[in-house]
Amino acid sequence: MKDLGWNIEPVSNLAKFSEDWNRLNSVHGGFILLDHLFFSEAVSHLAENPLQLAICYQGEHVVCITIVEKVRFGISRTFQPSQSPLGAWIQDPTISTQLLIKSLAKKLHWWPLGFSITQQDPKLECLNLTQSQECNTLPYIETGSLQSTENFDTFWESRGKNLRQNTNKAVNRLNKESGTLLLKVITDPDDIDEAIEQYGKLESSGWKSGTNTAITPDNDQGRFYKSLFRKLAHNKQTIIFQLFLGDTIIASDLTVLSNQSIIILKTTYDENYKRFSPATVLRKFQFEKIFNDPQIGQIEFYGKMMDWHYRWTNDTREMFHLNWLSKTGKSIKSIREKIK
């Protein structure tokens, strides 16, 4: 096997490697959350710390690309904004991930201690993992998915009695007390900006307004979703769902499409209607539409499994971080643990 060699470049050069990045991602069917476009937008709008672009060559061929940030002396990790479900690492799956990490850490630091590939999905098999004393996986979260290929009525009848009764009661009460419920689906690129702004207003009116985590038209997160979703909409890779009660939006979802899957990135609702569980009502309307779409076969949540998730699915898996420590890094970790 030819030797591996890393080049470290400014992250501003990311566009130069779009073809190589997406070629490596093609192994995963061009999965949208690993696409060059997704991370290009994330770098442009969400980077909080200095970033570097690392490209690994085997001979003349690019076999791995990652975006990294230094954590502290001797330790780095993949770029991981909270808006991205997956870490910024894409590689040729025939090459040992341990070899890639080890050689990269030595290139990044004159005294390498550790490196972490964050938030990996075992379902995608992005890494080439082998048993090793130098690398170990650390559980991140349990997440879930839902097959949407069966008849929706059959699926709905298989759900728990409480979910069905409570949702149906909420639908009836909303229709009776306040107007007619309507699910609106936004896919046109010209409608994306307005839909994102409407989402932001809904989110900003709730508890997130006090935590500075809500989307607004003039914050980095708002600019990220607007720019990303506009571009995805041109390729028919995004849907924004809005649940209307009369003329009022009471819940909304931001989703992206990839490989016959629909991925829910963000959900919000009007807290004035909290007693009606508007997000759950949105789910029923939304899932019924998804189940009836032959182009979609799976719903991905990519968030930490909560109680409400289990009412919809029991198909779960554990996402993880992959950590590498040098011998010195392990010694330092052992000393710190003893001091504690």
C-alpha atoms as a PDB file:
ATOM      1  CA  MET A   1       0.000   0.000   0.000  1.00  0.00           C
ATOM      2  CA  LYS A   2       1.288   3.444  -0.887  1.00  0.00           C
ATOM      3  CA  ASP A   3       2.082   5.783   1.998  1.00  0.00           C
ATOM      4  CA  LEU A   4      -0.503   8.259   3.231  1.00  0.00           C
ATOM      5  CA  GLY A   5       0.375  11.948   3.083  1.00  0.00           C
ATOM      6  CA  TRP A   6      -1.569  14.885   4.517  1.00  0.00           C
ATOM      7  CA  ASN A   7      -1.778  18.472   3.319  1.00  0.00           C
ATOM      8  CA  ILE A   8      -3.074  21.111   5.718  1.00  0.00           C
ATOM      9  CA  GLU A   9      -4.704  24.048   3.969  1.00  0.00           C
ATOM     10  CA  PRO A  10      -6.853  27.069   4.856  1.00  0.00           C
ATOM     11  CA  VAL A  11     -10.501  26.094   5.147  1.00  0.00           C
ATOM     12  CA  SER A  12     -11.211  28.782   2.548  1.00  0.00           C
ATOM     13  CA  ASN A  13      -9.860  26.268  -0.005  1.00  0.00           C
ATOM     14  CA  LEU A  14     -12.747  23.875   0.661  1.00  0.00           C
ATOM     15  CA  ALA A  15     -14.426  24.689  -2.679  1.00  0.00           C
ATOM     16  CA  LYS A  16     -11.349  23.418  -4.569  1.00  0.00           C
ATOM     17  CA  PHE A  17     -12.007  19.924  -3.257  1.00  0.00           C
ATOM     18  CA  SER A  18     -15.757  19.687  -3.876  1.00  0.00           C
ATOM     19  CA  GLU A  19     -15.361  16.966  -6.527  1.00  0.00           C
ATOM     20  CA  ASP A  20     -13.045  14.867  -4.364  1.00  0.00           C
ATOM     21  CA  TRP A  21     -15.317  15.309  -1.345  1.00  0.00           C
ATOM     22  CA  ASN A  22     -18.448  14.234  -3.196  1.00  0.00           C
ATOM     23  CA  ARG A  23     -16.610  11.372  -4.899  1.00  0.00           C
ATOM     24  CA  LEU A  24     -15.776   9.992  -1.443  1.00  0.00           C
ATOM     25  CA  ASN A  25     -19.361  10.616  -0.348  1.00  0.00           C
ATOM     26  CA  SER A  26     -20.699   8.742  -3.382  1.00  0.00           C
ATOM     27  CA  VAL A  27     -19.938   5.501  -1.506  1.00  0.00           C
ATOM     28  CA  HIS A  28     -22.823   6.526   0.770  1.00  0.00           C
ATOM     29  CA  GLY A  29     -25.090   7.406  -2.149  1.00  0.00           C
ATOM     30  CA  GLY A  30     -24.220  11.106  -1.944  1.00  0.00           C
ATOM     31  CA  PHE A  31     -25.788  11.371   1.518  1.00  0.00           C
ATOM     32  CA  ILE A  32     -26.852  14.984   1.957  1.00  0.00           C
ATOM     33  CA  LEU A  33     -25.588  15.389   5.529  1.00  0.00           C
ATOM     34  CA  LEU A  34     -22.097  14.452   4.312  1.00  0.00           C
ATOM     35  CA  ASP A  35     -22.289  16.490   1.110  1.00  0.00           C
ATOM     36  CA  HIS A  36     -19.723  19.158   0.314  1.00  0.00           C
ATOM     37  CA  LEU A  37     -22.537  21.718   0.055  1.00  0.00           C
ATOM     38  CA  PHE A  38     -23.729  21.044   3.605  1.00  0.00           C
ATOM     39  CA  PHE A  39     -20.312  21.563   5.185  1.00  0.00           C
ATOM     40  CA  SER A  40     -19.439  24.465   2.893  1.00  0.00           C
ATOM     41  CA  GLU A  41     -22.498  26.326   4.173  1.00  0.00           C
ATOM     42  CA  ALA A  42     -21.723  25.292   7.752  1.00  0.00           C
ATOM     43  CA  VAL A  43     -18.168  26.631   7.488  1.00  0.00           C
ATOM     44  CA  SER A  44     -19.405  29.891   5.957  1.00  0.00           C
ATOM     45  CA  HIS A  45     -22.042  30.601   8.598  1.00  0.00           C
ATOM     46  CA  LEU A  46     -21.466  28.532  11.740  1.00  0.00           C
ATOM     47  CA  ALA A  47     -17.724  28.338  12.428  1.00  0.00           C
ATOM     48  CA  GLU A  48     -16.914  29.780  15.858  1.00  0.00           C
ATOM     49  CA  ASN A  49     -13.255  28.727  16.113  1.00  0.00           C
ATOM     50  CA  PRO A  50     -10.375  28.749  13.614  1.00  0.00           C
ATOM     51  CA  LEU A  51     -10.640  25.800  11.228  1.00  0.00           C
ATOM     52  CA  GLN A  52      -8.215  23.936   8.999  1.00  0.00           C
ATOM     53  CA  LEU A  53      -8.818  21.787   5.954  1.00  0.00           C
ATOM     54  CA  ALA A  54      -6.914  18.493   5.933  1.00  0.00           C
ATOM     55  CA  ILE A  55      -6.575  16.432   2.734  1.00  0.00           C
ATOM     56  CA  CYS A  56      -5.007  12.975   2.707  1.00  0.00           C
ATOM     57  CA  TYR A  57      -3.379  11.611  -0.437  1.00  0.00           C
ATOM     58  CA  GLN A  58      -2.390   8.078  -1.307  1.00  0.00           C
ATOM     59  CA  GLY A  59      -0.162   8.587  -4.264  1.00  0.00           C
ATOM     60  CA  GLU A  60      -2.045  11.102  -6.407  1.00  0.00           C
ATOM     61  CA  HIS A  61      -5.493  10.142  -5.119  1.00  0.00           C
ATOM     62  CA  VAL A  62      -7.404  11.978  -2.390  1.00  0.00           C
ATOM     63  CA  VAL A  63      -8.549   9.323   0.103  1.00  0.00           C
ATOM     64  CA  CYS A  64      -9.769  11.446   3.017  1.00  0.00           C
ATOM     65  CA  ILE A  65     -10.887  15.034   3.638  1.00  0.00           C
ATOM     66  CA  THR A  66     -11.783  16.533   6.980  1.00  0.00           C
ATOM     67  CA  ILE A  67     -12.350  19.930   8.538  1.00  0.00           C
ATOM     68  CA  VAL A  68     -10.632  20.198  11.914  1.00  0.00           C
ATOM     69  CA  GLU A  69     -10.408  22.527  14.859  1.00  0.00           C
ATOM     70  CA  LYS A  70      -7.820  22.499  17.624  1.00  0.00           C
ATOM     71  CA  VAL A  71      -9.248  21.877  21.087  1.00  0.00           C
ATOM     72  CA  ARG A  72      -6.116  22.434  23.173  1.00  0.00           C
ATOM     73  CA  PHE A  73      -2.416  21.608  23.090  1.00  0.00           C
ATOM     74  CA  GLY A  74      -1.887  18.403  21.117  1.00  0.00           C
ATOM     75  CA  ILE A  75      -5.596  17.644  20.651  1.00  0.00           C
ATOM     76  CA  SER A  76      -7.894  18.314  17.679  1.00  0.00           C
ATOM     77  CA  ARG A  77     -11.320  17.157  16.499  1.00  0.00           C
ATOM     78  CA  THR A  78     -13.576  17.342  13.492  1.00  0.00           C
ATOM     79  CA  PHE A  79     -15.619  20.482  12.916  1.00  0.00           C
ATOM     80  CA  GLN A  80     -18.958  19.918  14.638  1.00  0.00           C
ATOM     81  CA  PRO A  81     -21.516  22.727  14.674  1.00  0.00           C
ATOM     82  CA  SER A  82     -24.671  21.877  16.601  1.00  0.00           C
ATOM     83  CA  GLN A  83     -26.739  22.179  13.407  1.00  0.00           C
ATOM     84  CA  SER A  84     -24.879  19.256  11.808  1.00  0.00           C
ATOM     85  CA  PRO A  85     -25.869  15.730  12.865  1.00  0.00           C
ATOM     86  CA  LEU A  86     -22.521  14.330  11.624  1.00  0.00           C
ATOM     87  CA  GLY A  87     -18.863  15.253  12.002  1.00  0.00           C
ATOM     88  CA  ALA A  88     -16.946  16.702   9.047  1.00  0.00           C
ATOM     89  CA  TRP A  89     -14.988  13.625   8.015  1.00  0.00           C
ATOM     90  CA  ILE A  90     -15.213  11.765   4.684  1.00  0.00           C
ATOM     91  CA  GLN A  91     -12.865   8.944   3.666  1.00  0.00           C
ATOM     92  CA  ASP A  92     -12.186   5.994   1.394  1.00  0.00           C
ATOM     93  CA  PRO A  93     -13.714   3.147   3.451  1.00  0.00           C
ATOM     94  CA  THR A  94     -11.037   0.663   2.323  1.00  0.00           C
ATOM     95  CA  ILE A  95      -8.383   2.504   4.353  1.00  0.00           C
ATOM     96  CA  SER A  96      -7.992   2.043   8.102  1.00  0.00           C
ATOM     97  CA  THR A  97      -9.430   4.992   9.971  1.00  0.00           C
ATOM     98  CA  GLN A  98      -6.861   4.494  12.717  1.00  0.00           C
ATOM     99  CA  LEU A  99      -4.018   4.942  10.233  1.00  0.00           C
ATOM    100  CA  LEU A 100      -5.666   8.106   8.916  1.00  0.00           C
ATOM    101  CA  ILE A 101      -6.203   9.589  12.376  1.00  0.00           C
ATOM    102  CA  LYS A 102      -2.736   8.746  13.632  1.00  0.00           C
ATOM    103  CA  SER A 103      -0.989  10.226  10.620  1.00  0.00           C
ATOM    104  CA  LEU A 104      -3.223  13.318  10.685  1.00  0.00           C
ATOM    105  CA  ALA A 105      -2.588  13.987  14.379  1.00  0.00           C
ATOM    106  CA  LYS A 106       1.161  13.886  13.756  1.00  0.00           C
ATOM    107  CA  LYS A 107       0.738  16.366  10.903  1.00  0.00           C
ATOM    108  CA  LEU A 108      -1.376  18.762  12.997  1.00  0.00           C
ATOM    109  CA  HIS A 109       0.766  18.760  16.156  1.00  0.00           C
ATOM    110  CA  TRP A 110       4.485  18.449  16.786  1.00  0.00           C
ATOM    111  CA  TRP A 111       3.498  16.566  19.953  1.00  0.00           C
ATOM    112  CA  PRO A 112       0.198  14.829  19.150  1.00  0.00           C
ATOM    113  CA  LEU A 113      -1.911  13.712  22.106  1.00  0.00           C
ATOM    114  CA  GLY A 114      -5.326  12.947  20.672  1.00  0.00           C
ATOM    115  CA  PHE A 115      -7.891  13.329  17.913  1.00  0.00           C
ATOM    116  CA  SER A 116     -11.657  12.835  17.830  1.00  0.00           C
ATOM    117  CA  ILE A 117     -13.970  12.110  14.897  1.00  0.00           C
ATOM    118  CA  THR A 118     -17.278  13.325  16.268  1.00  0.00           C
ATOM    119  CA  GLN A 119     -20.882  12.169  15.866  1.00  0.00           C
ATOM    120  CA  GLN A 120     -20.696   9.129  13.613  1.00  0.00           C
ATOM    121  CA  ASP A 121     -23.666   7.050  12.458  1.00  0.00           C
ATOM    122  CA  PRO A 122     -23.022   3.272  12.398  1.00  0.00           C
ATOM    123  CA  LYS A 123     -25.741   2.917   9.775  1.00  0.00           C
ATOM    124  CA  LEU A 124     -23.621   4.790   7.210  1.00  0.00           C
ATOM    125  CA  GLU A 125     -20.429   2.804   7.848  1.00  0.00           C
ATOM    126  CA  CYS A 126     -18.302   5.859   7.077  1.00  0.00           C
ATOM    127  CA  LEU A 127     -15.271   4.622   9.013  1.00  0.00           C
ATOM    128  CA  ASN A 128     -13.047   1.576   8.668  1.00  0.00           C
ATOM    129  CA  LEU A 129     -12.786   0.445  12.274  1.00  0.00           C
ATOM    130  CA  THR A 130     -10.501  -2.269  13.607  1.00  0.00           C
ATOM    131  CA  GLN A 131      -9.858  -3.523  17.118  1.00  0.00           C
ATOM    132  CA  SER A 132      -7.200  -1.259  18.596  1.00  0.00           C
ATOM    133  CA  GLN A 133      -5.809  -0.074  21.897  1.00  0.00           C
ATOM    134  CA  GLU A 134      -5.194   3.353  20.402  1.00  0.00           C
ATOM    135  CA  CYS A 135      -8.751   4.047  19.154  1.00  0.00           C
ATOM    136  CA  ASN A 136     -11.963   3.647  21.078  1.00  0.00           C
ATOM    137  CA  THR A 137     -15.570   4.551  20.474  1.00  0.00           C
ATOM    138  CA  LEU A 138     -17.470   6.717  22.933  1.00  0.00           C
ATOM    139  CA  PRO A 139     -21.287   6.545  22.925  1.00  0.00           C
ATOM    140  CA  TYR A 140     -22.883   9.819  21.853  1.00  0.00           C
ATOM    141  CA  ILE A 141     -26.682   9.482  21.632  1.00  0.00           C
ATOM    142  CA  GLU A 142     -29.314   6.937  20.744  1.00  0.00           C
ATOM    143  CA  THR A 143     -31.206   8.061  17.660  1.00  0.00           C
ATOM    144  CA  GLY A 144     -34.017   6.538  15.628  1.00  0.00           C
ATOM    145  CA  SER A 145     -35.587   6.024  12.239  1.00  0.00           C
ATOM    146  CA  LEU A 146     -38.956   4.929  10.908  1.00  0.00           C
ATOM    147  CA  GLN A 147     -39.735   2.880   7.809  1.00  0.00           C
ATOM    148  CA  SER A 148     -42.494   4.601   5.824  1.00  0.00           C
ATOM    149  CA  THR A 149     -43.246   1.967   3.208  1.00  0.00           C
ATOM    150  CA  GLU A 150     -46.412   0.437   4.692  1.00  0.00           C
ATOM    151  CA  ASN A 151     -49.948   1.761   4.499  1.00  0.00           C
ATOM    152  CA  PHE A 152     -50.286   4.734   6.863  1.00  0.00           C
ATOM    153  CA  ASP A 153     -53.647   3.648   8.263  1.00  0.00           C
ATOM    154  CA  THR A 154     -52.146   0.273   9.148  1.00  0.00           C
ATOM    155  CA  PHE A 155     -49.155   1.968  10.759  1.00  0.00           C
ATOM    156  CA  TRP A 156     -51.378   4.394  12.685  1.00  0.00           C
ATOM    157  CA  GLU A 157     -53.512   1.574  14.057  1.00  0.00           C
ATOM    158  CA  SER A 158     -50.344  -0.128  15.299  1.00  0.00           C
ATOM    159  CA  ARG A 159     -49.399   2.884  17.408  1.00  0.00           C
ATOM    160  CA  GLY A 160     -50.199   2.999  21.116  1.00  0.00           C
ATOM    161  CA  LYS A 161     -53.737   3.753  22.194  1.00  0.00           C
ATOM    162  CA  ASN A 162     -52.715   6.909  24.093  1.00  0.00           C
ATOM    163  CA  LEU A 163     -50.927   8.436  21.099  1.00  0.00           C
ATOM    164  CA  ARG A 164     -53.858   7.783  18.778  1.00  0.00           C
ATOM    165  CA  GLN A 165     -56.537   8.992  21.170  1.00  0.00           C
ATOM    166  CA  ASN A 166     -54.674  12.082  22.371  1.00  0.00           C
ATOM    167  CA  THR A 167     -53.714  13.128  18.835  1.00  0.00           C
ATOM    168  CA  ASN A 168     -57.224  12.631  17.497  1.00  0.00           C
ATOM    169  CA  LYS A 169     -58.667  14.600  20.427  1.00  0.00           C
ATOM    170  CA  ALA A 170     -56.227  17.443  19.796  1.00  0.00           C
ATOM    171  CA  VAL A 171     -57.132  17.516  16.092  1.00  0.00           C
ATOM    172  CA  ASN A 172     -60.849  17.598  16.875  1.00  0.00           C
ATOM    173  CA  ARG A 173     -60.481  20.326  19.517  1.00  0.00           C
ATOM    174  CA  LEU A 174     -58.342  22.492  17.258  1.00  0.00           C
ATOM    175  CA  ASN A 175     -60.747  22.148  14.347  1.00  0.00           C
ATOM    176  CA  LYS A 176     -63.747  22.872  16.553  1.00  0.00           C
ATOM    177  CA  GLU A 177     -62.383  25.723  18.659  1.00  0.00           C
ATOM    178  CA  SER A 178     -60.070  27.649  16.398  1.00  0.00           C
ATOM    179  CA  GLY A 179     -60.521  26.870  12.716  1.00  0.00           C
ATOM    180  CA  THR A 180     -59.401  24.357  10.130  1.00  0.00           C
ATOM    181  CA  LEU A 181     -56.069  22.507  10.276  1.00  0.00           C
ATOM    182  CA  LEU A 182     -54.054  22.460   7.061  1.00  0.00           C
ATOM    183  CA  LEU A 183     -50.620  21.028   6.256  1.00  0.00           C
ATOM    184  CA  LYS A 184     -48.622  23.216   3.875  1.00  0.00           C
ATOM    185  CA  VAL A 185     -45.573  21.841   2.062  1.00  0.00           C
ATOM    186  CA  ILE A 186     -42.867  24.285   0.928  1.00  0.00           C
ATOM    187  CA  THR A 187     -40.479  23.109  -1.815  1.00  0.00           C
ATOM    188  CA  ASP A 188     -40.186  26.048  -4.230  1.00  0.00           C
ATOM    189  CA  PRO A 189     -36.811  27.878  -3.966  1.00  0.00           C
ATOM    190  CA  ASP A 190     -38.622  31.236  -4.158  1.00  0.00           C
ATOM    191  CA  ASP A 191     -40.629  30.406  -1.027  1.00  0.00           C
ATOM    192  CA  ILE A 192     -37.739  29.195   1.139  1.00  0.00           C
ATOM    193  CA  ASP A 193     -36.638  32.529   2.654  1.00  0.00           C
ATOM    194  CA  GLU A 194     -40.141  33.410   3.823  1.00  0.00           C
ATOM    195  CA  ALA A 195     -40.698  29.907   5.256  1.00  0.00           C
ATOM    196  CA  ILE A 196     -37.411  30.039   7.196  1.00  0.00           C
ATOM    197  CA  GLU A 197     -38.315  33.480   8.550  1.00  0.00           C
ATOM    198  CA  GLN A 198     -41.733  32.183   9.585  1.00  0.00           C
ATOM    199  CA  TYR A 199     -40.038  29.257  11.288  1.00  0.00           C
ATOM    200  CA  GLY A 200     -37.713  31.666  13.099  1.00  0.00           C
ATOM    201  CA  LYS A 201     -40.564  33.859  14.332  1.00  0.00           C
ATOM    202  CA  LEU A 202     -42.300  30.782  15.709  1.00  0.00           C
ATOM    203  CA  GLU A 203     -39.140  29.551  17.420  1.00  0.00           C
ATOM    204  CA  SER A 204     -38.240  32.999  18.758  1.00  0.00           C
ATOM    205  CA  SER A 205     -41.629  33.361  20.402  1.00  0.00           C
ATOM    206  CA  GLY A 206     -40.936  30.389  22.678  1.00  0.00           C
ATOM    207  CA  TRP A 207     -38.400  29.394  25.308  1.00  0.00           C
ATOM    208  CA  LYS A 208     -35.482  29.445  22.855  1.00  0.00           C
ATOM    209  CA  SER A 209     -35.685  33.222  22.642  1.00  0.00           C
ATOM    210  CA  GLY A 210     -34.051  33.393  26.078  1.00  0.00           C
ATOM    211  CA  THR A 211     -31.199  31.076  25.134  1.00  0.00           C
ATOM    212  CA  ASN A 212     -30.106  32.790  21.897  1.00  0.00           C
ATOM    213  CA  THR A 213     -30.497  29.474  20.031  1.00  0.00           C
ATOM    214  CA  ALA A 214     -33.539  30.406  17.936  1.00  0.00           C
ATOM    215  CA  ILE A 215     -33.334  31.106  14.209  1.00  0.00           C
ATOM    216  CA  THR A 216     -33.646  34.789  13.311  1.00  0.00           C
ATOM    217  CA  PRO A 217     -33.328  36.425   9.872  1.00  0.00           C
ATOM    218  CA  ASP A 218     -30.121  38.218  10.867  1.00  0.00           C
ATOM    219  CA  ASN A 219     -28.244  35.606  12.891  1.00  0.00           C
ATOM    220  CA  ASP A 220     -25.718  33.046  11.640  1.00  0.00           C
ATOM    221  CA  GLN A 221     -28.101  30.132  12.068  1.00  0.00           C
ATOM    222  CA  GLY A 222     -30.813  31.875  10.073  1.00  0.00           C
ATOM    223  CA  ARG A 223     -28.397  32.695   7.268  1.00  0.00           C
ATOM    224  CA  PHE A 224     -27.144  29.095   7.261  1.00  0.00           C
ATOM    225  CA  TYR A 225     -30.599  27.550   6.850  1.00  0.00           C
ATOM    226  CA  LYS A 226     -31.703  30.106   4.262  1.00  0.00           C
ATOM    227  CA  SER A 227     -28.644  29.633   2.080  1.00  0.00           C
ATOM    228  CA  LEU A 228     -28.548  25.843   2.433  1.00  0.00           C
ATOM    229  CA  PHE A 229     -32.262  25.298   1.871  1.00  0.00           C
ATOM    230  CA  ARG A 230     -32.408  27.631  -1.144  1.00  0.00           C
ATOM    231  CA  LYS A 231     -29.680  25.621  -2.860  1.00  0.00           C
ATOM    232  CA  LEU A 232     -31.171  22.270  -1.868  1.00  0.00           C
ATOM    233  CA  ALA A 233     -34.595  23.352  -3.092  1.00  0.00           C
ATOM    234  CA  HIS A 234     -33.214  23.787  -6.606  1.00  0.00           C
ATOM    235  CA  ASN A 235     -32.322  20.075  -6.501  1.00  0.00           C
ATOM    236  CA  LYS A 236     -35.648  19.087  -4.904  1.00  0.00           C
ATOM    237  CA  GLN A 237     -33.820  18.002  -1.747  1.00  0.00           C
ATOM    238  CA  THR A 238     -35.737  19.873   0.918  1.00  0.00           C
ATOM    239  CA  ILE A 239     -39.242  20.208   2.317  1.00  0.00           C
ATOM    240  CA  ILE A 240     -40.445  22.698   4.912  1.00  0.00           C
ATOM    241  CA  PHE A 241     -43.656  21.539   6.566  1.00  0.00           C
ATOM    242  CA  GLN A 242     -46.036  24.063   8.111  1.00  0.00           C
ATOM    243  CA  LEU A 243     -49.140  23.228  10.115  1.00  0.00           C
ATOM    244  CA  PHE A 244     -51.709  25.993   9.825  1.00  0.00           C
ATOM    245  CA  LEU A 245     -54.706  26.584  12.046  1.00  0.00           C
ATOM    246  CA  GLY A 246     -56.774  28.940   9.954  1.00  0.00           C
ATOM    247  CA  ASP A 247     -54.261  31.638   8.984  1.00  0.00           C
ATOM    248  CA  THR A 248     -51.857  30.902  11.854  1.00  0.00           C
ATOM    249  CA  ILE A 249     -48.790  28.655  11.689  1.00  0.00           C
ATOM    250  CA  ILE A 250     -48.757  26.578  14.867  1.00  0.00           C
ATOM    251  CA  ALA A 251     -45.917  24.128  14.061  1.00  0.00           C
ATOM    252  CA  SER A 252     -43.165  23.717  11.476  1.00  0.00           C
ATOM    253  CA  ASP A 253     -40.440  21.250  10.461  1.00  0.00           C
ATOM    254  CA  LEU A 254     -37.245  21.780   8.474  1.00  0.00           C
ATOM    255  CA  THR A 255     -36.341  18.602   6.565  1.00  0.00           C
ATOM    256  CA  VAL A 256     -33.948  17.467   3.852  1.00  0.00           C
ATOM    257  CA  LEU A 257     -34.228  14.579   1.393  1.00  0.00           C
ATOM    258  CA  SER A 258     -31.522  12.054   0.553  1.00  0.00           C
ATOM    259  CA  ASN A 259     -31.354   8.443  -0.648  1.00  0.00           C
ATOM    260  CA  GLN A 260     -35.125   7.910  -0.324  1.00  0.00           C
ATOM    261  CA  SER A 261     -34.961   9.189   3.250  1.00  0.00           C
ATOM    262  CA  ILE A 262     -36.402  12.340   4.758  1.00  0.00           C
ATOM    263  CA  ILE A 263     -34.328  13.774   7.599  1.00  0.00           C
ATOM    264  CA  ILE A 264     -35.931  15.997  10.229  1.00  0.00           C
ATOM    265  CA  LEU A 265     -33.405  18.685  11.185  1.00  0.00           C
ATOM    266  CA  LYS A 266     -35.487  21.070  13.300  1.00  0.00           C
ATOM    267  CA  THR A 267     -38.980  21.307  14.752  1.00  0.00           C
ATOM    268  CA  THR A 268     -40.759  24.162  16.454  1.00  0.00           C
ATOM    269  CA  TYR A 269     -44.287  25.069  17.486  1.00  0.00           C
ATOM    270  CA  ASP A 270     -46.351  27.944  18.847  1.00  0.00           C
ATOM    271  CA  GLU A 271     -46.301  27.630  22.636  1.00  0.00           C
ATOM    272  CA  ASN A 272     -49.681  29.371  22.830  1.00  0.00           C
ATOM    273  CA  TYR A 273     -51.099  26.077  21.556  1.00  0.00           C
ATOM    274  CA  LYS A 274     -48.920  23.852  23.713  1.00  0.00           C
ATOM    275  CA  ARG A 275     -51.932  22.206  25.400  1.00  0.00           C
ATOM    276  CA  PHE A 276     -52.915  20.782  21.990  1.00  0.00           C
ATOM    277  CA  SER A 277     -49.481  19.166  21.349  1.00  0.00           C
ATOM    278  CA  PRO A 278     -49.091  20.905  17.968  1.00  0.00           C
ATOM    279  CA  ALA A 279     -45.802  19.134  17.141  1.00  0.00           C
ATOM    280  CA  THR A 280     -47.511  15.756  17.563  1.00  0.00           C
ATOM    281  CA  VAL A 281     -50.436  16.855  15.409  1.00  0.00           C
ATOM    282  CA  LEU A 282     -47.931  18.039  12.789  1.00  0.00           C
ATOM    283  CA  ARG A 283     -46.272  14.611  12.915  1.00  0.00           C
ATOM    284  CA  LYS A 284     -49.516  12.820  12.116  1.00  0.00           C
ATOM    285  CA  PHE A 285     -50.349  15.068   9.143  1.00  0.00           C
ATOM    286  CA  GLN A 286     -46.753  15.038   7.948  1.00  0.00           C
ATOM    287  CA  PHE A 287     -46.161  11.299   8.330  1.00  0.00           C
ATOM    288  CA  GLU A 288     -49.365  10.484   6.502  1.00  0.00           C
ATOM    289  CA  LYS A 289     -48.123  12.521   3.540  1.00  0.00           C
ATOM    290  CA  ILE A 290     -44.674  10.928   3.709  1.00  0.00           C
ATOM    291  CA  PHE A 291     -46.086   7.391   3.901  1.00  0.00           C
ATOM    292  CA  ASN A 292     -48.091   8.113   0.747  1.00  0.00           C
ATOM    293  CA  ASP A 293     -45.016   9.317  -1.162  1.00  0.00           C
ATOM    294  CA  PRO A 294     -43.437   6.399  -3.092  1.00  0.00           C
ATOM    295  CA  GLN A 295     -40.159   8.337  -3.386  1.00  0.00           C
ATOM    296  CA  ILE A 296     -39.613   8.244   0.389  1.00  0.00           C
ATOM    297  CA  GLY A 297     -39.059   5.012   2.279  1.00  0.00           C
ATOM    298  CA  GLN A 298     -37.633   6.150   5.584  1.00  0.00           C
ATOM    299  CA  ILE A 299     -37.858   8.944   8.155  1.00  0.00           C
ATOM    300  CA  GLU A 300     -34.651   9.812  10.020  1.00  0.00           C
ATOM    301  CA  PHE A 301     -34.800  11.745  13.287  1.00  0.00           C
ATOM    302  CA  TYR A 302     -31.047  12.278  13.912  1.00  0.00           C
ATOM    303  CA  GLY A 303     -31.757  13.650  17.361  1.00  0.00           C
ATOM    304  CA  LYS A 304     -31.532  12.164  20.825  1.00  0.00           C
ATOM    305  CA  MET A 305     -34.340   9.681  21.402  1.00  0.00           C
ATOM    306  CA  MET A 306     -36.970  11.204  23.673  1.00  0.00           C
ATOM    307  CA  ASP A 307     -40.157   9.695  25.076  1.00  0.00           C
ATOM    308  CA  TRP A 308     -42.204  10.999  22.145  1.00  0.00           C
ATOM    309  CA  HIS A 309     -39.921   9.285  19.621  1.00  0.00           C
ATOM    310  CA  TYR A 310     -40.689   5.865  21.108  1.00  0.00           C
ATOM    311  CA  ARG A 311     -44.381   6.453  20.486  1.00  0.00           C
ATOM    312  CA  TRP A 312     -43.590   6.483  16.777  1.00  0.00           C
ATOM    313  CA  THR A 313     -40.733   3.966  16.417  1.00  0.00           C
ATOM    314  CA  ASN A 314     -38.612   1.381  18.194  1.00  0.00           C
ATOM    315  CA  ASP A 315     -35.961   1.281  15.472  1.00  0.00           C
ATOM    316  CA  THR A 316     -32.965   2.825  17.243  1.00  0.00           C
ATOM    317  CA  ARG A 317     -29.176   2.859  16.991  1.00  0.00           C
ATOM    318  CA  GLU A 318     -26.332   4.416  18.970  1.00  0.00           C
ATOM    319  CA  MET A 319     -24.256   7.162  17.405  1.00  0.00           C
ATOM    320  CA  PHE A 320     -20.699   7.543  18.612  1.00  0.00           C
ATOM    321  CA  HIS A 321     -17.448   9.515  18.662  1.00  0.00           C
ATOM    322  CA  LEU A 322     -14.183   7.851  17.663  1.00  0.00           C
ATOM    323  CA  ASN A 323     -11.256   8.905  19.856  1.00  0.00           C
ATOM    324  CA  TRP A 324      -7.568   8.291  19.295  1.00  0.00           C
ATOM    325  CA  LEU A 325      -4.980   8.861  22.014  1.00  0.00           C
ATOM    326  CA  SER A 326      -1.215   8.623  21.686  1.00  0.00           C
ATOM    327  CA  LYS A 327       0.749   6.855  24.436  1.00  0.00           C
ATOM    328  CA  THR A 328       1.510  10.219  26.006  1.00  0.00           C
ATOM    329  CA  GLY A 329      -2.131  11.231  25.701  1.00  0.00           C
ATOM    330  CA  LYS A 330      -3.191   8.060  27.486  1.00  0.00           C
ATOM    331  CA  SER A 331      -0.670   8.678  30.279  1.00  0.00           C
ATOM    332  CA  ILE A 332      -1.939  12.234  30.774  1.00  0.00           C
ATOM    333  CA  LYS A 333      -5.538  10.985  30.819  1.00  0.00           C
ATOM    334  CA  SER A 334      -4.652   8.294  33.389  1.00  0.00           C
ATOM    335  CA  ILE A 335      -2.940  10.837  35.658  1.00  0.00           C
ATOM    336  CA  ARG A 336      -5.914  13.204  35.464  1.00  0.00           C
ATOM    337  CA  GLU A 337      -8.331  10.405  36.336  1.00  0.00           C
ATOM    338  CA  LYS A 338      -6.225   9.442  39.369  1.00  0.00           C
ATOM    339  CA  ILE A 339      -6.104  13.062  40.562  1.00  0.00           C
ATOM    340  CA  LYS A 340      -9.911  13.261  40.383  1.00  0.00           C
END
